[in-house]
């Protein structure tokens, strides 16, 4: 199953608060966050194209350290949604995965599970079950308690037919609608079913420095 992946790595890293893009944080083994993220897909022969949407700082690093025929680099936009749209315009395969560059701990087992599901379905994403009790709160007062068995924490990669995802992005742009992930746009603008694949690995998104300390 051939696919392209769009790795979104253009964020400002404000909450990381280290004076650099979190994509360029270096682990004790010498690898940087973006190195680990790219490496997972480089090692998968089914991944025919890696599109990295990034800032100029990250692009400079990748140009000198990850230059090969499978990698396409493009600049990000003013928002995640705009950045993904930039990346989608460069995709060459009929199936695309969207992956947050900050999820550098993606394990091969989870990637293979997602690919297996995509051989049966049109749309799928990695998720984690809720372990905390979730409250609905208004003005600091608890209104209700949600059934956590029906709730999932969305992760990436999220996988869809490229043409259908582009169509959803274009419609969202026309409507001025902003989503927090790609699945939300498909849920809103497509009749396509999006199925969940439970992540079994450590797929934490690097947001603050504590997310990488000790790694």
C-alpha atoms as a PDB file:
ATOM      1  CA  UNK A   1       0.000   0.000   0.000  1.00  0.00           C
ATOM      2  CA  UNK A   2       1.872   3.063  -1.253  1.00  0.00           C
ATOM      3  CA  UNK A   3       1.292   6.390   0.461  1.00  0.00           C
ATOM      4  CA  UNK A   4       2.672   9.877   0.998  1.00  0.00           C
ATOM      5  CA  UNK A   5       3.052  11.396   4.435  1.00  0.00           C
ATOM      6  CA  UNK A   6       2.756  15.082   5.238  1.00  0.00           C
ATOM      7  CA  UNK A   7       4.772  15.857   8.367  1.00  0.00           C
ATOM      8  CA  UNK A   8       3.627  19.132   9.929  1.00  0.00           C
ATOM      9  CA  UNK A   9       6.642  20.782  11.566  1.00  0.00           C
ATOM     10  CA  UNK A  10       6.019  24.510  11.155  1.00  0.00           C
ATOM     11  CA  UNK A  11       4.813  25.494  14.632  1.00  0.00           C
ATOM     12  CA  UNK A  12       6.331  28.335  16.652  1.00  0.00           C
ATOM     13  CA  UNK A  13       7.211  26.050  19.624  1.00  0.00           C
ATOM     14  CA  UNK A  14       6.158  28.784  22.045  1.00  0.00           C
ATOM     15  CA  UNK A  15       5.301  26.406  24.893  1.00  0.00           C
ATOM     16  CA  UNK A  16       8.585  24.536  24.424  1.00  0.00           C
ATOM     17  CA  UNK A  17      10.287  27.706  25.658  1.00  0.00           C
ATOM     18  CA  UNK A  18      13.869  26.750  24.754  1.00  0.00           C
ATOM     19  CA  UNK A  19      14.695  29.458  22.229  1.00  0.00           C
ATOM     20  CA  UNK A  20      14.682  26.982  19.323  1.00  0.00           C
ATOM     21  CA  UNK A  21      12.093  25.054  17.353  1.00  0.00           C
ATOM     22  CA  UNK A  22      11.257  21.895  19.287  1.00  0.00           C
ATOM     23  CA  UNK A  23      11.878  20.038  16.023  1.00  0.00           C
ATOM     24  CA  UNK A  24      15.582  20.779  16.493  1.00  0.00           C
ATOM     25  CA  UNK A  25      15.832  19.596  20.090  1.00  0.00           C
ATOM     26  CA  UNK A  26      18.668  17.067  20.303  1.00  0.00           C
ATOM     27  CA  UNK A  27      18.324  13.804  22.243  1.00  0.00           C
ATOM     28  CA  UNK A  28      21.198  12.121  24.060  1.00  0.00           C
ATOM     29  CA  UNK A  29      21.781   9.826  21.054  1.00  0.00           C
ATOM     30  CA  UNK A  30      22.411  12.854  18.839  1.00  0.00           C
ATOM     31  CA  UNK A  31      19.150  12.629  16.913  1.00  0.00           C
ATOM     32  CA  UNK A  32      16.788  15.588  16.821  1.00  0.00           C
ATOM     33  CA  UNK A  33      13.006  15.446  17.173  1.00  0.00           C
ATOM     34  CA  UNK A  34      12.471  15.885  13.437  1.00  0.00           C
ATOM     35  CA  UNK A  35      15.122  13.229  12.679  1.00  0.00           C
ATOM     36  CA  UNK A  36      13.217  10.624  14.682  1.00  0.00           C
ATOM     37  CA  UNK A  37       9.903  11.596  13.116  1.00  0.00           C
ATOM     38  CA  UNK A  38      11.229  11.320   9.574  1.00  0.00           C
ATOM     39  CA  UNK A  39      13.161   8.132  10.287  1.00  0.00           C
ATOM     40  CA  UNK A  40      10.020   6.109  11.034  1.00  0.00           C
ATOM     41  CA  UNK A  41       8.674   6.786   7.546  1.00  0.00           C
ATOM     42  CA  UNK A  42      12.044   6.487   5.810  1.00  0.00           C
ATOM     43  CA  UNK A  43      12.239   2.928   7.113  1.00  0.00           C
ATOM     44  CA  UNK A  44       8.849   2.038   5.611  1.00  0.00           C
ATOM     45  CA  UNK A  45       9.123   1.001   1.965  1.00  0.00           C
ATOM     46  CA  UNK A  46       5.399   1.680   1.464  1.00  0.00           C
ATOM     47  CA  UNK A  47       6.016   5.372   2.166  1.00  0.00           C
ATOM     48  CA  UNK A  48       6.946   6.670  -1.274  1.00  0.00           C
ATOM     49  CA  UNK A  49       7.038  10.374  -0.429  1.00  0.00           C
ATOM     50  CA  UNK A  50       7.748  12.387   2.731  1.00  0.00           C
ATOM     51  CA  UNK A  51       6.511  15.984   2.588  1.00  0.00           C
ATOM     52  CA  UNK A  52       7.817  18.086   5.465  1.00  0.00           C
ATOM     53  CA  UNK A  53       6.034  21.383   6.061  1.00  0.00           C
ATOM     54  CA  UNK A  54       8.315  23.523   8.170  1.00  0.00           C
ATOM     55  CA  UNK A  55       9.783  26.875   9.157  1.00  0.00           C
ATOM     56  CA  UNK A  56      12.880  28.311   7.483  1.00  0.00           C
ATOM     57  CA  UNK A  57      14.964  27.277  10.515  1.00  0.00           C
ATOM     58  CA  UNK A  58      13.931  23.650  10.205  1.00  0.00           C
ATOM     59  CA  UNK A  59      14.136  23.729   6.416  1.00  0.00           C
ATOM     60  CA  UNK A  60      17.775  24.826   6.575  1.00  0.00           C
ATOM     61  CA  UNK A  61      18.568  21.886   8.847  1.00  0.00           C
ATOM     62  CA  UNK A  62      16.713  19.357   6.696  1.00  0.00           C
ATOM     63  CA  UNK A  63      18.244  20.619   3.456  1.00  0.00           C
ATOM     64  CA  UNK A  64      21.715  19.705   4.716  1.00  0.00           C
ATOM     65  CA  UNK A  65      20.816  16.576   6.692  1.00  0.00           C
ATOM     66  CA  UNK A  66      17.873  14.829   5.014  1.00  0.00           C
ATOM     67  CA  UNK A  67      18.221  15.609   1.333  1.00  0.00           C
ATOM     68  CA  UNK A  68      17.023  12.670  -0.793  1.00  0.00           C
ATOM     69  CA  UNK A  69      14.565  11.885  -3.567  1.00  0.00           C
ATOM     70  CA  UNK A  70      11.767  10.813  -1.217  1.00  0.00           C
ATOM     71  CA  UNK A  71      11.686  14.066   0.748  1.00  0.00           C
ATOM     72  CA  UNK A  72       9.876  17.224  -0.364  1.00  0.00           C
ATOM     73  CA  UNK A  73      10.174  20.402   1.722  1.00  0.00           C
ATOM     74  CA  UNK A  74       7.723  23.280   1.781  1.00  0.00           C
ATOM     75  CA  UNK A  75       7.069  26.255   4.033  1.00  0.00           C
ATOM     76  CA  UNK A  76       4.249  26.297   6.554  1.00  0.00           C
ATOM     77  CA  UNK A  77       1.399  28.754   6.804  1.00  0.00           C
ATOM     78  CA  UNK A  78      -0.118  30.943   9.487  1.00  0.00           C
ATOM     79  CA  UNK A  79      -1.955  27.988  11.086  1.00  0.00           C
ATOM     80  CA  UNK A  80      -1.703  24.211  11.231  1.00  0.00           C
ATOM     81  CA  UNK A  81      -4.615  23.961   8.818  1.00  0.00           C
ATOM     82  CA  UNK A  82      -2.915  26.229   6.305  1.00  0.00           C
ATOM     83  CA  UNK A  83       0.353  24.331   6.712  1.00  0.00           C
ATOM     84  CA  UNK A  84      -1.309  20.983   6.004  1.00  0.00           C
ATOM     85  CA  UNK A  85      -2.942  22.498   2.928  1.00  0.00           C
ATOM     86  CA  UNK A  86       0.493  23.595   1.658  1.00  0.00           C
ATOM     87  CA  UNK A  87       1.772  20.062   2.155  1.00  0.00           C
ATOM     88  CA  UNK A  88      -1.202  18.460   0.425  1.00  0.00           C
ATOM     89  CA  UNK A  89      -0.502  20.473  -2.709  1.00  0.00           C
ATOM     90  CA  UNK A  90       2.832  18.627  -3.012  1.00  0.00           C
ATOM     91  CA  UNK A  91       1.491  15.089  -2.452  1.00  0.00           C
ATOM     92  CA  UNK A  92       1.947  12.612  -5.293  1.00  0.00           C
ATOM     93  CA  UNK A  93       0.312   9.434  -3.947  1.00  0.00           C
ATOM     94  CA  UNK A  94      -3.412   8.646  -3.869  1.00  0.00           C
ATOM     95  CA  UNK A  95      -3.307   7.930  -0.142  1.00  0.00           C
ATOM     96  CA  UNK A  96      -1.903  10.400   2.363  1.00  0.00           C
ATOM     97  CA  UNK A  97      -1.103  10.321   6.056  1.00  0.00           C
ATOM     98  CA  UNK A  98      -0.939  13.542   8.046  1.00  0.00           C
ATOM     99  CA  UNK A  99       1.459  13.376  10.980  1.00  0.00           C
ATOM    100  CA  UNK A 100       2.520  15.942  13.556  1.00  0.00           C
ATOM    101  CA  UNK A 101       6.272  16.422  13.451  1.00  0.00           C
ATOM    102  CA  UNK A 102       6.284  16.633  17.244  1.00  0.00           C
ATOM    103  CA  UNK A 103       5.063  13.025  17.546  1.00  0.00           C
ATOM    104  CA  UNK A 104       8.554  11.625  17.212  1.00  0.00           C
ATOM    105  CA  UNK A 105       7.859   8.508  19.298  1.00  0.00           C
ATOM    106  CA  UNK A 106       5.546   6.830  16.755  1.00  0.00           C
ATOM    107  CA  UNK A 107       6.219   3.095  16.834  1.00  0.00           C
ATOM    108  CA  UNK A 108       6.286   0.853  13.773  1.00  0.00           C
ATOM    109  CA  UNK A 109       3.607  -1.405  15.265  1.00  0.00           C
ATOM    110  CA  UNK A 110       1.136   1.476  15.366  1.00  0.00           C
ATOM    111  CA  UNK A 111       2.024   2.532  11.821  1.00  0.00           C
ATOM    112  CA  UNK A 112       1.480  -1.013  10.557  1.00  0.00           C
ATOM    113  CA  UNK A 113      -1.873  -1.245  12.380  1.00  0.00           C
ATOM    114  CA  UNK A 114      -3.000   1.983  10.726  1.00  0.00           C
ATOM    115  CA  UNK A 115      -1.904   0.729   7.303  1.00  0.00           C
ATOM    116  CA  UNK A 116      -3.767  -2.535   7.844  1.00  0.00           C
ATOM    117  CA  UNK A 117      -6.945  -0.642   8.703  1.00  0.00           C
ATOM    118  CA  UNK A 118      -6.543   1.534   5.616  1.00  0.00           C
ATOM    119  CA  UNK A 119      -6.497  -1.603   3.454  1.00  0.00           C
ATOM    120  CA  UNK A 120     -10.089  -2.132   4.619  1.00  0.00           C
ATOM    121  CA  UNK A 121     -11.397   1.427   5.116  1.00  0.00           C
ATOM    122  CA  UNK A 122     -11.166   4.863   3.505  1.00  0.00           C
ATOM    123  CA  UNK A 123     -10.205   6.908   6.551  1.00  0.00           C
ATOM    124  CA  UNK A 124      -8.523   6.103   9.858  1.00  0.00           C
ATOM    125  CA  UNK A 125      -6.589   7.691  12.707  1.00  0.00           C
ATOM    126  CA  UNK A 126      -4.612   6.630  15.740  1.00  0.00           C
ATOM    127  CA  UNK A 127      -6.335   7.193  19.073  1.00  0.00           C
ATOM    128  CA  UNK A 128      -5.843   6.580  22.777  1.00  0.00           C
ATOM    129  CA  UNK A 129      -8.605   5.676  25.230  1.00  0.00           C
ATOM    130  CA  UNK A 130      -9.462   8.115  27.990  1.00  0.00           C
ATOM    131  CA  UNK A 131      -8.281   7.094  31.440  1.00  0.00           C
ATOM    132  CA  UNK A 132      -9.349  10.225  33.325  1.00  0.00           C
ATOM    133  CA  UNK A 133     -12.891  11.178  34.219  1.00  0.00           C
ATOM    134  CA  UNK A 134     -13.921  14.095  31.981  1.00  0.00           C
ATOM    135  CA  UNK A 135     -16.105  16.930  33.285  1.00  0.00           C
ATOM    136  CA  UNK A 136     -18.068  19.518  31.340  1.00  0.00           C
ATOM    137  CA  UNK A 137     -17.422  22.837  33.071  1.00  0.00           C
ATOM    138  CA  UNK A 138     -19.011  26.260  32.649  1.00  0.00           C
ATOM    139  CA  UNK A 139     -17.592  29.292  34.436  1.00  0.00           C
ATOM    140  CA  UNK A 140     -15.664  27.060  36.808  1.00  0.00           C
ATOM    141  CA  UNK A 141     -18.673  24.932  37.783  1.00  0.00           C
ATOM    142  CA  UNK A 142     -19.145  21.265  36.847  1.00  0.00           C
ATOM    143  CA  UNK A 143     -22.182  20.850  34.595  1.00  0.00           C
ATOM    144  CA  UNK A 144     -21.950  17.138  33.827  1.00  0.00           C
ATOM    145  CA  UNK A 145     -19.675  14.117  33.538  1.00  0.00           C
ATOM    146  CA  UNK A 146     -19.024  12.557  30.153  1.00  0.00           C
ATOM    147  CA  UNK A 147     -18.971   8.821  29.463  1.00  0.00           C
ATOM    148  CA  UNK A 148     -15.270   8.216  28.961  1.00  0.00           C
ATOM    149  CA  UNK A 149     -15.940   4.872  27.260  1.00  0.00           C
ATOM    150  CA  UNK A 150     -17.261   6.821  24.277  1.00  0.00           C
ATOM    151  CA  UNK A 151     -14.319   9.255  24.202  1.00  0.00           C
ATOM    152  CA  UNK A 152     -10.959   8.885  22.475  1.00  0.00           C
ATOM    153  CA  UNK A 153      -7.901  11.150  22.371  1.00  0.00           C
ATOM    154  CA  UNK A 154      -7.046  11.781  18.723  1.00  0.00           C
ATOM    155  CA  UNK A 155      -3.445  11.344  17.620  1.00  0.00           C
ATOM    156  CA  UNK A 156      -1.594  11.184  14.327  1.00  0.00           C
ATOM    157  CA  UNK A 157      -0.982   9.775  11.778  1.00  0.00           C
ATOM    158  CA  UNK A 158      -4.428  10.265  10.274  1.00  0.00           C
ATOM    159  CA  UNK A 159      -4.894   8.675   6.859  1.00  0.00           C
ATOM    160  CA  UNK A 160      -7.272   9.510   3.992  1.00  0.00           C
ATOM    161  CA  UNK A 161      -7.593   9.409   0.208  1.00  0.00           C
ATOM    162  CA  UNK A 162      -5.616  12.435  -0.951  1.00  0.00           C
ATOM    163  CA  UNK A 163      -8.224  13.847  -3.332  1.00  0.00           C
ATOM    164  CA  UNK A 164     -11.018  13.660  -0.753  1.00  0.00           C
ATOM    165  CA  UNK A 165      -8.944  15.323   1.952  1.00  0.00           C
ATOM    166  CA  UNK A 166      -7.962  18.128  -0.433  1.00  0.00           C
ATOM    167  CA  UNK A 167     -11.635  18.630  -1.286  1.00  0.00           C
ATOM    168  CA  UNK A 168     -12.497  18.935   2.420  1.00  0.00           C
ATOM    169  CA  UNK A 169      -9.683  21.424   2.981  1.00  0.00           C
ATOM    170  CA  UNK A 170     -10.817  23.562   0.064  1.00  0.00           C
ATOM    171  CA  UNK A 171     -14.399  23.604   1.319  1.00  0.00           C
ATOM    172  CA  UNK A 172     -13.240  24.577   4.805  1.00  0.00           C
ATOM    173  CA  UNK A 173     -11.247  27.448   3.298  1.00  0.00           C
ATOM    174  CA  UNK A 174     -14.339  28.684   1.446  1.00  0.00           C
ATOM    175  CA  UNK A 175     -16.414  28.500   4.630  1.00  0.00           C
ATOM    176  CA  UNK A 176     -13.746  30.019   6.868  1.00  0.00           C
ATOM    177  CA  UNK A 177     -13.969  26.938   9.102  1.00  0.00           C
ATOM    178  CA  UNK A 178     -11.013  26.054  11.339  1.00  0.00           C
ATOM    179  CA  UNK A 179     -10.458  22.547  12.666  1.00  0.00           C
ATOM    180  CA  UNK A 180      -8.042  21.185  15.242  1.00  0.00           C
ATOM    181  CA  UNK A 181      -7.218  18.065  13.237  1.00  0.00           C
ATOM    182  CA  UNK A 182      -7.752  16.588   9.785  1.00  0.00           C
ATOM    183  CA  UNK A 183     -10.417  14.121  10.815  1.00  0.00           C
ATOM    184  CA  UNK A 184     -12.644  16.995  11.943  1.00  0.00           C
ATOM    185  CA  UNK A 185     -12.699  18.366   8.405  1.00  0.00           C
ATOM    186  CA  UNK A 186     -13.581  14.960   6.964  1.00  0.00           C
ATOM    187  CA  UNK A 187     -16.318  14.546   9.594  1.00  0.00           C
ATOM    188  CA  UNK A 188     -17.784  17.905   8.578  1.00  0.00           C
ATOM    189  CA  UNK A 189     -17.442  17.844   4.807  1.00  0.00           C
ATOM    190  CA  UNK A 190     -17.495  14.186   3.776  1.00  0.00           C
ATOM    191  CA  UNK A 191     -19.715  11.153   4.141  1.00  0.00           C
ATOM    192  CA  UNK A 192     -16.613   9.021   4.465  1.00  0.00           C
ATOM    193  CA  UNK A 193     -16.388   6.888   7.591  1.00  0.00           C
ATOM    194  CA  UNK A 194     -13.342   7.524   9.791  1.00  0.00           C
ATOM    195  CA  UNK A 195     -12.355   4.558  11.942  1.00  0.00           C
ATOM    196  CA  UNK A 196     -10.188   4.466  15.053  1.00  0.00           C
ATOM    197  CA  UNK A 197      -6.994   2.464  15.528  1.00  0.00           C
ATOM    198  CA  UNK A 198      -5.982   2.149  19.167  1.00  0.00           C
ATOM    199  CA  UNK A 199      -2.361   3.135  19.664  1.00  0.00           C
ATOM    200  CA  UNK A 200      -0.386   0.596  21.655  1.00  0.00           C
ATOM    201  CA  UNK A 201       2.796   2.628  21.751  1.00  0.00           C
ATOM    202  CA  UNK A 202       4.288   5.737  23.305  1.00  0.00           C
ATOM    203  CA  UNK A 203       3.083   8.329  20.810  1.00  0.00           C
ATOM    204  CA  UNK A 204       3.318  11.430  22.988  1.00  0.00           C
ATOM    205  CA  UNK A 205       3.347  14.804  21.247  1.00  0.00           C
ATOM    206  CA  UNK A 206       6.313  16.929  22.275  1.00  0.00           C
ATOM    207  CA  UNK A 207       4.884  20.197  23.575  1.00  0.00           C
ATOM    208  CA  UNK A 208       6.946  21.272  26.611  1.00  0.00           C
ATOM    209  CA  UNK A 209      10.515  20.439  27.597  1.00  0.00           C
ATOM    210  CA  UNK A 210       9.367  17.837  30.155  1.00  0.00           C
ATOM    211  CA  UNK A 211       8.051  15.744  27.261  1.00  0.00           C
ATOM    212  CA  UNK A 212      11.620  15.005  26.144  1.00  0.00           C
ATOM    213  CA  UNK A 213      13.684  15.193  29.305  1.00  0.00           C
ATOM    214  CA  UNK A 214      15.082  11.812  30.241  1.00  0.00           C
ATOM    215  CA  UNK A 215      14.748  10.438  26.697  1.00  0.00           C
END
